[in-house]
Protein backbone atom coordinates (compact mmCIF):
# COMPACT_ATOMS: atom_id res chain seq x y z
CA MET A 1 0.00 0.00 0.00
CA LEU A 2 2.85 2.39 0.82
CA VAL A 3 4.34 1.86 -2.65
CA VAL A 4 1.03 2.84 -4.28
CA VAL A 5 0.85 6.02 -2.20
CA ILE A 6 4.43 6.95 -3.10
CA ILE A 7 3.69 6.42 -6.80
CA LEU A 8 0.54 8.56 -6.65
CA ILE A 9 2.45 11.35 -4.89
CA ALA A 10 5.21 11.25 -7.52
CA LEU A 11 2.66 11.37 -10.37
CA PHE A 12 0.90 14.30 -8.74
CA GLY A 13 4.23 16.11 -8.61
CA ALA A 14 4.84 15.39 -12.30
CA PHE A 15 1.38 16.77 -13.07
CA VAL A 16 2.07 19.99 -11.14
CA ARG A 17 5.39 20.42 -12.97
CA THR A 18 3.75 19.89 -16.36
CA VAL A 19 0.95 22.39 -15.74
CA PHE A 20 2.88 25.16 -14.01
CA GLY A 21 6.45 24.49 -15.10
CA PHE A 22 7.88 23.96 -11.61
CA GLY A 23 7.06 22.89 -8.07
CA GLU A 24 6.97 19.10 -8.13
CA ALA A 25 9.53 18.78 -5.34
CA LEU A 26 7.80 21.30 -3.09
CA VAL A 27 4.56 19.33 -3.44
CA THR A 28 5.97 15.84 -3.18
CA MET A 29 8.79 16.12 -0.65
CA PRO A 30 6.55 17.08 2.31
CA LEU A 31 3.99 14.42 1.31
CA LEU A 32 6.65 11.73 0.99
CA ALA A 33 7.99 12.74 4.40
CA LEU A 34 4.50 12.38 5.88
CA VAL A 35 4.24 8.77 4.67
CA GLY A 36 7.68 7.98 6.09
CA PHE A 37 9.69 7.71 2.88
CA LYS A 38 13.42 8.17 3.53
CA LEU A 39 14.60 11.72 2.71
CA SER A 40 17.58 10.70 0.58
CA SER A 41 15.48 8.21 -1.43
CA ALA A 42 12.73 10.79 -1.91
CA THR A 43 15.30 13.33 -3.08
CA ALA A 44 16.71 10.85 -5.61
CA LEU A 45 13.28 9.77 -6.88
CA ILE A 46 11.91 13.27 -7.39
CA GLY A 47 15.19 14.50 -8.86
CA ALA A 48 15.09 11.81 -11.54
CA LEU A 49 11.41 12.37 -12.31
CA GLY A 50 11.95 16.11 -12.59
CA LEU A 51 14.60 15.52 -15.24
CA LEU A 52 12.37 13.11 -17.16
CA VAL A 53 9.43 15.56 -17.18
CA ALA A 54 11.67 18.46 -18.22
CA LEU A 55 12.95 16.74 -21.39
CA PRO A 56 9.68 16.79 -23.41
CA ALA A 57 8.74 20.17 -21.90
CA THR A 58 11.99 21.69 -23.16
CA ILE A 59 11.33 20.45 -26.68
CA ARG A 60 7.80 21.82 -26.51
CA SER A 61 8.97 25.28 -25.31
CA ARG A 62 12.16 25.55 -27.37
CA ALA A 63 10.92 28.58 -29.37
CA HIS A 64 10.71 30.64 -26.16
CA ILE A 65 14.10 29.72 -24.70
CA ASP A 66 16.81 32.36 -24.27
CA PHE A 67 19.84 30.07 -24.38
CA ALA A 68 22.27 32.79 -23.29
CA VAL A 69 20.34 33.14 -20.02
CA VAL A 70 20.19 29.37 -19.60
CA ARG A 71 23.96 29.12 -20.09
CA ARG A 72 24.63 31.66 -17.34
CA LEU A 73 22.14 29.99 -14.99
CA VAL A 74 23.76 26.61 -15.52
CA LEU A 75 27.27 27.96 -14.94
CA GLY A 76 26.10 29.40 -11.63
CA SER A 77 24.46 26.09 -10.75
CA LEU A 78 27.73 24.23 -11.23
CA ILE A 79 29.03 26.13 -8.24
CA GLY A 80 25.79 25.77 -6.29
CA VAL A 81 25.34 22.01 -6.56
CA PRO A 82 28.23 20.99 -4.24
CA ILE A 83 27.16 23.73 -1.84
CA GLY A 84 23.71 22.12 -1.68
CA ILE A 85 25.15 18.69 -0.92
CA LEU A 86 27.12 20.21 1.94
CA LEU A 87 23.98 21.97 3.21
CA LEU A 88 22.12 18.67 3.30
CA LYS A 89 24.93 16.98 5.20
CA LEU A 90 25.97 19.77 7.59
CA VAL A 91 23.09 22.21 8.17
CA PRO A 92 19.92 21.17 10.08
CA THR A 93 17.21 20.49 7.51
CA ARG A 94 14.56 22.06 9.73
CA LEU A 95 16.29 25.43 9.77
CA ILE A 96 16.76 25.58 6.00
CA LEU A 97 13.16 24.55 5.31
CA GLN A 98 11.75 27.09 7.77
CA LEU A 99 13.73 30.00 6.34
CA PHE A 100 13.02 29.01 2.74
CA GLY A 101 9.34 28.44 3.47
CA LEU A 102 8.88 31.79 5.21
CA PHE A 103 10.59 33.54 2.33
CA LEU A 104 8.26 31.92 -0.23
CA ILE A 105 5.19 32.85 1.81
CA SER A 106 6.34 36.45 2.14
CA TYR A 107 7.35 36.87 -1.50
CA GLY A 108 4.26 35.19 -2.97
CA SER A 109 1.89 37.10 -0.68
CA TYR A 110 3.54 40.43 -1.50
CA GLN A 111 3.31 39.85 -5.25
CA LEU A 112 -0.34 38.79 -5.00
CA TRP A 113 -1.05 41.95 -3.02
CA GLN A 114 0.64 44.03 -5.70
CA LEU A 115 -1.50 42.41 -8.39
CA TRP A 116 -4.65 42.97 -6.32
CA ARG A 117 -3.74 46.64 -6.02
CA GLY A 118 -3.23 46.78 -9.76
CA LYS A 119 0.33 48.02 -9.36
CA PRO A 120 2.75 45.38 -10.65
CA LYS A 121 6.38 46.21 -10.01
CA LYS A 122 8.82 47.19 -12.75
CA ALA A 123 11.40 44.73 -13.98
CA ARG A 124 14.45 44.37 -11.72
CA LEU A 125 17.87 42.69 -11.79
CA GLN A 126 18.26 43.27 -15.53
CA ALA A 127 22.06 42.94 -15.61
CA ALA A 128 23.23 39.58 -16.97
CA ARG A 129 25.49 39.00 -13.95
CA TRP A 130 22.45 38.28 -11.79
CA ASP A 131 21.84 35.14 -13.86
CA TYR A 132 24.91 33.55 -12.29
CA LEU A 133 23.72 34.24 -8.72
CA ALA A 134 20.24 32.91 -9.48
CA GLY A 135 21.85 29.80 -10.93
CA LEU A 136 24.07 29.32 -7.88
CA ILE A 137 21.09 29.45 -5.51
CA SER A 138 19.15 27.16 -7.82
CA GLY A 139 21.94 24.59 -7.92
CA ALA A 140 22.34 24.61 -4.15
CA LEU A 141 18.64 24.16 -3.41
CA GLY A 142 18.30 21.66 -6.24
CA SER A 143 21.00 19.27 -5.10
CA ALA A 144 19.87 19.48 -1.47
CA TYR A 145 16.05 19.59 -1.76
CA ASN A 146 15.19 19.29 -5.48
CA SER A 147 13.95 22.88 -5.37
CA HIS A 148 16.08 24.29 -8.18
CA GLY A 149 13.04 25.64 -10.02
CA VAL A 150 11.78 28.05 -7.38
CA PRO A 151 14.82 30.41 -7.38
CA VAL A 152 14.58 30.67 -11.17
CA VAL A 153 10.83 31.32 -10.99
CA ILE A 154 11.35 34.09 -8.45
CA TYR A 155 14.19 35.51 -10.51
CA GLY A 156 12.09 35.39 -13.68
CA THR A 157 9.19 37.19 -12.00
CA LEU A 158 11.56 39.89 -10.76
CA LYS A 159 12.79 40.35 -14.34
CA ARG A 160 9.18 40.26 -15.59
CA TRP A 161 9.79 37.53 -18.16
CA PRO A 162 6.66 36.65 -20.17
CA VAL A 163 5.10 33.39 -19.00
CA ASN A 164 6.10 31.46 -22.14
CA GLN A 165 9.70 32.66 -21.84
CA LEU A 166 9.77 31.80 -18.14
CA ARG A 167 8.48 28.29 -18.82
CA GLY A 168 10.97 27.76 -21.66
CA ILE A 169 13.98 28.93 -19.67
CA LEU A 170 12.81 26.91 -16.66
CA GLN A 171 12.55 23.66 -18.60
CA ALA A 172 15.89 24.07 -20.39
CA HIS A 173 17.50 24.90 -17.06
CA PHE A 174 15.83 21.87 -15.47
CA VAL A 175 17.34 19.58 -18.10
CA CYS A 176 20.88 20.95 -17.73
CA VAL A 177 20.84 21.21 -13.94
CA GLY A 178 18.83 18.01 -13.59
CA VAL A 179 21.66 16.00 -15.13
CA ILE A 180 24.11 17.60 -12.71
CA VAL A 181 21.80 17.21 -9.70
CA VAL A 182 20.95 13.56 -10.38
CA SER A 183 24.62 12.75 -10.95
CA SER A 184 25.57 14.41 -7.66
CA GLN A 185 22.82 12.52 -5.84
CA VAL A 186 24.06 9.22 -7.27
CA ALA A 187 27.61 10.07 -6.22
CA ALA A 188 26.38 11.00 -2.74
CA GLY A 189 24.76 7.57 -2.35
CA PHE A 190 21.11 8.67 -2.46
CA TRP A 191 20.12 6.04 -5.04
CA ASN A 192 19.20 2.48 -4.10
CA GLY A 193 17.21 -0.49 -5.43
CA GLU A 194 13.92 0.89 -4.14
CA VAL A 195 14.36 4.14 -6.08
CA VAL A 196 15.10 2.24 -9.31
CA GLN A 197 12.08 -0.03 -8.86
CA LEU A 198 9.77 2.92 -8.29
CA LEU A 199 11.11 4.70 -11.37
CA LEU A 200 10.46 1.63 -13.53
CA ILE A 201 6.82 1.69 -12.42
CA ILE A 202 6.30 5.45 -12.67
CA ILE A 203 7.98 6.19 -16.03
CA PRO A 204 5.33 4.44 -18.21
CA LEU A 205 2.57 6.30 -16.32
CA LEU A 206 4.12 9.64 -17.31
CA ALA A 207 2.84 8.97 -20.84
CA VAL A 208 -0.63 9.74 -19.47
CA VAL A 209 0.19 12.44 -16.92
CA ILE A 210 2.31 14.69 -19.16
CA PRO A 211 -0.14 15.00 -22.10
CA PHE A 212 -3.02 15.68 -19.72
CA GLY A 213 -1.00 18.35 -17.91
CA ASN A 214 -0.08 20.01 -21.23
CA TRP A 215 -3.72 20.01 -22.29
CA LEU A 216 -4.81 21.69 -19.07
CA SER A 217 -1.96 24.22 -19.12
CA SER A 218 -2.85 25.35 -22.65
CA ARG A 219 -6.30 26.33 -21.44
CA ILE A 220 -5.18 28.63 -18.61
CA PRO A 221 -4.83 32.33 -19.62
CA GLN A 222 -1.32 33.70 -19.06
CA ALA A 223 -2.48 36.46 -16.69
CA THR A 224 -4.27 33.86 -14.59
CA LEU A 225 -1.23 31.60 -14.67
CA VAL A 226 0.92 34.37 -13.16
CA LYS A 227 -1.48 34.62 -10.22
CA TYR A 228 -1.42 30.85 -9.83
CA ILE A 229 2.38 30.89 -9.76
CA TYR A 230 2.44 33.40 -6.88
CA LEU A 231 -0.27 31.44 -5.07
CA LEU A 232 1.74 28.24 -5.51
CA LEU A 233 4.77 29.92 -3.95
CA VAL A 234 2.68 30.74 -0.88
CA ILE A 235 1.31 27.19 -0.70
CA PHE A 236 4.73 25.65 -1.20
CA GLY A 237 6.16 27.88 1.51
CA GLY A 238 3.47 26.72 3.87
CA LEU A 239 4.20 23.07 3.04
CA LEU A 240 7.89 23.58 3.76
CA VAL A 241 7.21 25.22 7.10
CA PHE A 242 4.73 22.45 7.96
CA LYS A 243 7.26 19.81 7.01
CA SER A 244 9.96 21.45 9.15
CA LEU A 245 7.69 21.35 12.22
CA ASN A 246 6.97 17.63 11.97
């Protein structure tokens, strides 16, 4: 029964990623923790699934990808990935999750308030050098908690990227960083027989989840999708805080 629950959670995460372009780890990691799935195994499982979902999404969004930005993000992530592994091994998980969760709640709530007031902020952090810092943070959180999408989402909203461009850059970044993250997780000993067995069951089911997620995403207006993204950040922040307290 536990295996079925884990598979359903992983598929739900893949669905969220397909529809919104990010967030599968922030949905699945707290849920997997609640059912008692080992943290390192959960990290390995969701890291691999994130990479698999990103591959077809990148092909689908290739016309909207700014590859120069992706290159700078990935270079920053190369530095961030080993930092994330050290965070996972040396820093109390509860502290990192609480701080990250509170930040997401604050940022998402503030942006929703700005939209409600009808006063969206101007684009910020336009210099290309900020891409490297965003990539570094993404790599660190990705290798430690499979949360490499959220820093890029926040960065993209600060730069006011159009939704299609944000999704395209996100997916291309996921593919590049996903290879690095999964490799680092394998090297760190996070993979085991249970993770491989679960992947072999889940991968064929993605053939149903991904097309359905794409169909639903294509029917959500872009302005509405922006609001959903901010709302998801608030929800994800709450899940992280909840997870850190249990």
